[in-house]
Amino acid sequence: MQLVYQVIEGKKMSQQNSANQFCPVARCIEAIGDRWSLLIVRDAFDGVRRFGDFQRSLGVARNILSDRLRKLVEAGVLNMQAASDGTAYQEYVLTPMGMSLFPVVVALRQWGECYLFAENEPHSVLVEKHSGQPVPFMTPVLPDGGVLLPEDAVVRKVLIKEE
């Protein structure tokens, strides 16, 4: 992948800030990149909504789960709402921002299927509900429909020109 730099004028920043503050990947990792947060999002796509159900599914300590759920709500990925069954419980539901993480979860799943399981090792499979067929492998495409390869892309980085 080729790098192209865009220079903007600004004040001197710390090395870490200048390296990551303009990077969408770094910001995503900050918001949802730890193990538990991604697994919570995965479970939310599978229909898990209540604290106790997340805790049972993940086997995570309650304090860690509480912290990650709070952070996901603050980040706008999840929303808390009254339980759909009318009980006093609260439920965590994906917001539109959270729903837009579906391709990310699918891509992680498909990468894991390709590289982290031995041949013929059993694992869960994501299928399309109506046909029951496995979801086709996701890959970025060019405007003409061809496959976008790393060498076909360029990152336009932002550099701070110190005053």
Protein backbone atom coordinates (compact mmCIF):
# COMPACT_ATOMS: atom_id res chain seq x y z
CA MET A 1 0.00 0.00 0.00
CA GLN A 2 1.45 3.34 -1.02
CA LEU A 3 1.36 6.29 1.39
CA VAL A 4 0.54 9.84 0.35
CA TYR A 5 0.84 12.65 2.87
CA GLN A 6 -1.33 15.72 3.29
CA VAL A 7 0.30 18.51 5.27
CA ILE A 8 -1.73 20.79 7.51
CA GLU A 9 -0.48 23.61 9.69
CA GLY A 10 -0.87 23.27 13.42
CA LYS A 11 0.72 23.25 16.80
CA LYS A 12 3.32 20.73 17.85
CA MET A 13 1.77 17.52 19.20
CA SER A 14 3.07 14.51 21.03
CA GLN A 15 4.40 11.71 18.81
CA GLN A 16 1.49 9.41 19.71
CA ASN A 17 -1.18 12.04 19.06
CA SER A 18 0.25 13.09 15.72
CA ALA A 19 0.62 9.47 14.62
CA ASN A 20 -2.90 8.36 15.50
CA GLN A 21 -5.28 11.28 15.81
CA PHE A 22 -6.03 11.42 12.08
CA CYS A 23 -6.15 7.64 11.56
CA PRO A 24 -9.62 6.08 11.32
CA VAL A 25 -8.22 2.64 12.17
CA ALA A 26 -6.61 3.96 15.37
CA ARG A 27 -9.86 5.64 16.40
CA CYS A 28 -11.83 2.45 15.75
CA ILE A 29 -9.41 0.42 17.84
CA GLU A 30 -9.77 2.99 20.62
CA ALA A 31 -13.58 2.73 20.50
CA ILE A 32 -14.19 -0.98 19.89
CA GLY A 33 -10.84 -2.70 19.44
CA ASP A 34 -10.42 -4.68 22.61
CA ARG A 35 -11.41 -8.33 22.78
CA TRP A 36 -14.45 -7.95 24.99
CA SER A 37 -15.95 -5.02 23.10
CA LEU A 38 -15.80 -6.87 19.78
CA LEU A 39 -17.27 -10.00 21.33
CA ILE A 40 -20.09 -7.96 22.87
CA VAL A 41 -20.84 -6.50 19.44
CA ARG A 42 -20.72 -10.00 17.93
CA ASP A 43 -23.17 -11.26 20.56
CA ALA A 44 -25.44 -8.25 20.03
CA PHE A 45 -25.67 -9.23 16.34
CA ASP A 46 -26.64 -12.71 17.55
CA GLY A 47 -29.54 -11.23 19.52
CA VAL A 48 -28.04 -11.01 23.02
CA ARG A 49 -29.47 -7.93 24.78
CA ARG A 50 -29.29 -8.29 28.56
CA PHE A 51 -26.32 -7.93 30.88
CA GLY A 52 -26.74 -11.42 32.35
CA ASP A 53 -27.00 -12.99 28.91
CA PHE A 54 -23.82 -11.24 27.75
CA GLN A 55 -22.10 -12.39 30.95
CA ARG A 56 -23.17 -16.02 30.48
CA SER A 57 -22.28 -16.05 26.79
CA LEU A 58 -18.85 -14.48 27.20
CA GLY A 59 -17.81 -15.69 30.65
CA VAL A 60 -16.34 -12.26 31.32
CA ALA A 61 -16.08 -10.76 34.80
CA ARG A 62 -19.04 -8.54 35.66
CA ASN A 63 -16.89 -5.45 36.27
CA ILE A 64 -15.18 -5.78 32.88
CA LEU A 65 -18.50 -6.37 31.12
CA SER A 66 -20.06 -3.37 32.83
CA ASP A 67 -17.12 -1.18 31.79
CA ARG A 68 -17.19 -2.34 28.15
CA LEU A 69 -20.96 -1.97 27.86
CA ARG A 70 -20.71 1.55 29.29
CA LYS A 71 -17.97 2.45 26.80
CA LEU A 72 -19.94 1.03 23.88
CA VAL A 73 -22.98 3.07 24.93
CA GLU A 74 -20.84 6.21 25.30
CA ALA A 75 -19.30 5.57 21.86
CA GLY A 76 -22.77 5.32 20.29
CA VAL A 77 -22.41 1.65 19.32
CA LEU A 78 -25.07 0.40 21.76
CA ASN A 79 -28.12 2.03 23.28
CA MET A 80 -29.80 1.12 26.56
CA GLN A 81 -33.55 0.78 26.52
CA ALA A 82 -36.32 -0.71 28.60
CA ALA A 83 -36.71 -4.46 28.18
CA SER A 84 -38.91 -5.43 25.25
CA ASP A 85 -40.87 -7.86 27.44
CA GLY A 86 -41.99 -5.15 29.87
CA THR A 87 -39.86 -6.34 32.79
CA ALA A 88 -37.73 -3.97 34.86
CA TYR A 89 -34.56 -5.05 33.03
CA GLN A 90 -32.59 -2.84 30.66
CA GLU A 91 -31.49 -4.10 27.27
CA TYR A 92 -28.51 -3.17 25.12
CA VAL A 93 -29.34 -2.80 21.45
CA LEU A 94 -27.16 -1.92 18.50
CA THR A 95 -27.60 1.62 17.23
CA PRO A 96 -27.36 2.39 13.51
CA MET A 97 -23.64 3.05 14.16
CA GLY A 98 -23.37 -0.35 15.81
CA MET A 99 -25.29 -2.06 13.00
CA SER A 100 -22.79 -0.60 10.53
CA LEU A 101 -20.12 -2.76 12.21
CA PHE A 102 -21.67 -5.88 10.65
CA PRO A 103 -19.19 -5.98 7.73
CA VAL A 104 -16.32 -5.64 10.23
CA VAL A 105 -17.56 -8.60 12.28
CA VAL A 106 -18.12 -10.64 9.10
CA ALA A 107 -14.61 -9.81 7.83
CA LEU A 108 -13.05 -10.82 11.17
CA ARG A 109 -15.08 -14.04 11.16
CA GLN A 110 -14.05 -14.90 7.61
CA TRP A 111 -10.39 -14.13 8.30
CA GLY A 112 -10.56 -16.39 11.36
CA GLU A 113 -12.17 -19.17 9.34
CA CYS A 114 -9.38 -18.97 6.76
CA TYR A 115 -6.39 -18.72 9.06
CA LEU A 116 -7.19 -19.85 12.59
CA PHE A 117 -8.86 -23.24 12.14
CA ALA A 118 -7.25 -26.43 10.91
CA GLU A 119 -8.69 -28.06 7.81
CA ASN A 120 -11.98 -29.80 8.70
CA GLU A 121 -11.89 -28.37 12.24
CA PRO A 122 -15.48 -27.62 13.28
CA HIS A 123 -16.50 -23.98 13.74
CA SER A 124 -19.63 -21.87 13.57
CA VAL A 125 -20.71 -20.77 10.11
CA LEU A 126 -22.46 -17.55 9.13
CA VAL A 127 -25.29 -18.32 6.71
CA GLU A 128 -27.91 -16.27 4.94
CA LYS A 129 -31.23 -16.86 6.77
CA HIS A 130 -33.48 -17.56 3.82
CA SER A 131 -31.23 -19.78 1.70
CA GLY A 132 -29.14 -21.34 4.46
CA GLN A 133 -26.09 -20.80 2.26
CA PRO A 134 -22.78 -19.61 3.74
CA VAL A 135 -22.20 -15.87 3.35
CA PRO A 136 -19.79 -15.32 0.44
CA PHE A 137 -16.28 -14.14 1.26
CA MET A 138 -16.15 -10.36 1.59
CA THR A 139 -13.54 -8.46 -0.36
CA PRO A 140 -13.17 -4.78 -1.24
CA VAL A 141 -13.97 -4.01 -4.86
CA LEU A 142 -13.01 -1.35 -7.38
CA PRO A 143 -15.68 0.82 -9.01
CA ASP A 144 -15.63 -1.58 -12.02
CA GLY A 145 -16.29 -4.58 -9.74
CA GLY A 146 -12.75 -5.93 -9.77
CA VAL A 147 -10.99 -6.95 -6.58
CA LEU A 148 -9.22 -4.10 -4.75
CA LEU A 149 -5.73 -5.28 -3.78
CA PRO A 150 -3.48 -3.53 -1.24
CA GLU A 151 -1.24 -2.27 -4.05
CA ASP A 152 -4.31 -0.65 -5.68
CA ALA A 153 -4.99 1.54 -2.62
CA VAL A 154 -3.27 4.54 -1.12
CA VAL A 155 -3.60 6.12 2.32
CA ARG A 156 -3.54 9.90 2.33
CA LYS A 157 -1.90 10.58 5.67
CA VAL A 158 -2.11 13.88 7.49
CA LEU A 159 1.11 15.48 8.67
CA ILE A 160 1.26 18.43 11.00
CA LYS A 161 3.54 21.21 9.81
CA GLU A 162 4.96 22.64 13.01
CA GLU A 163 4.88 26.39 13.46
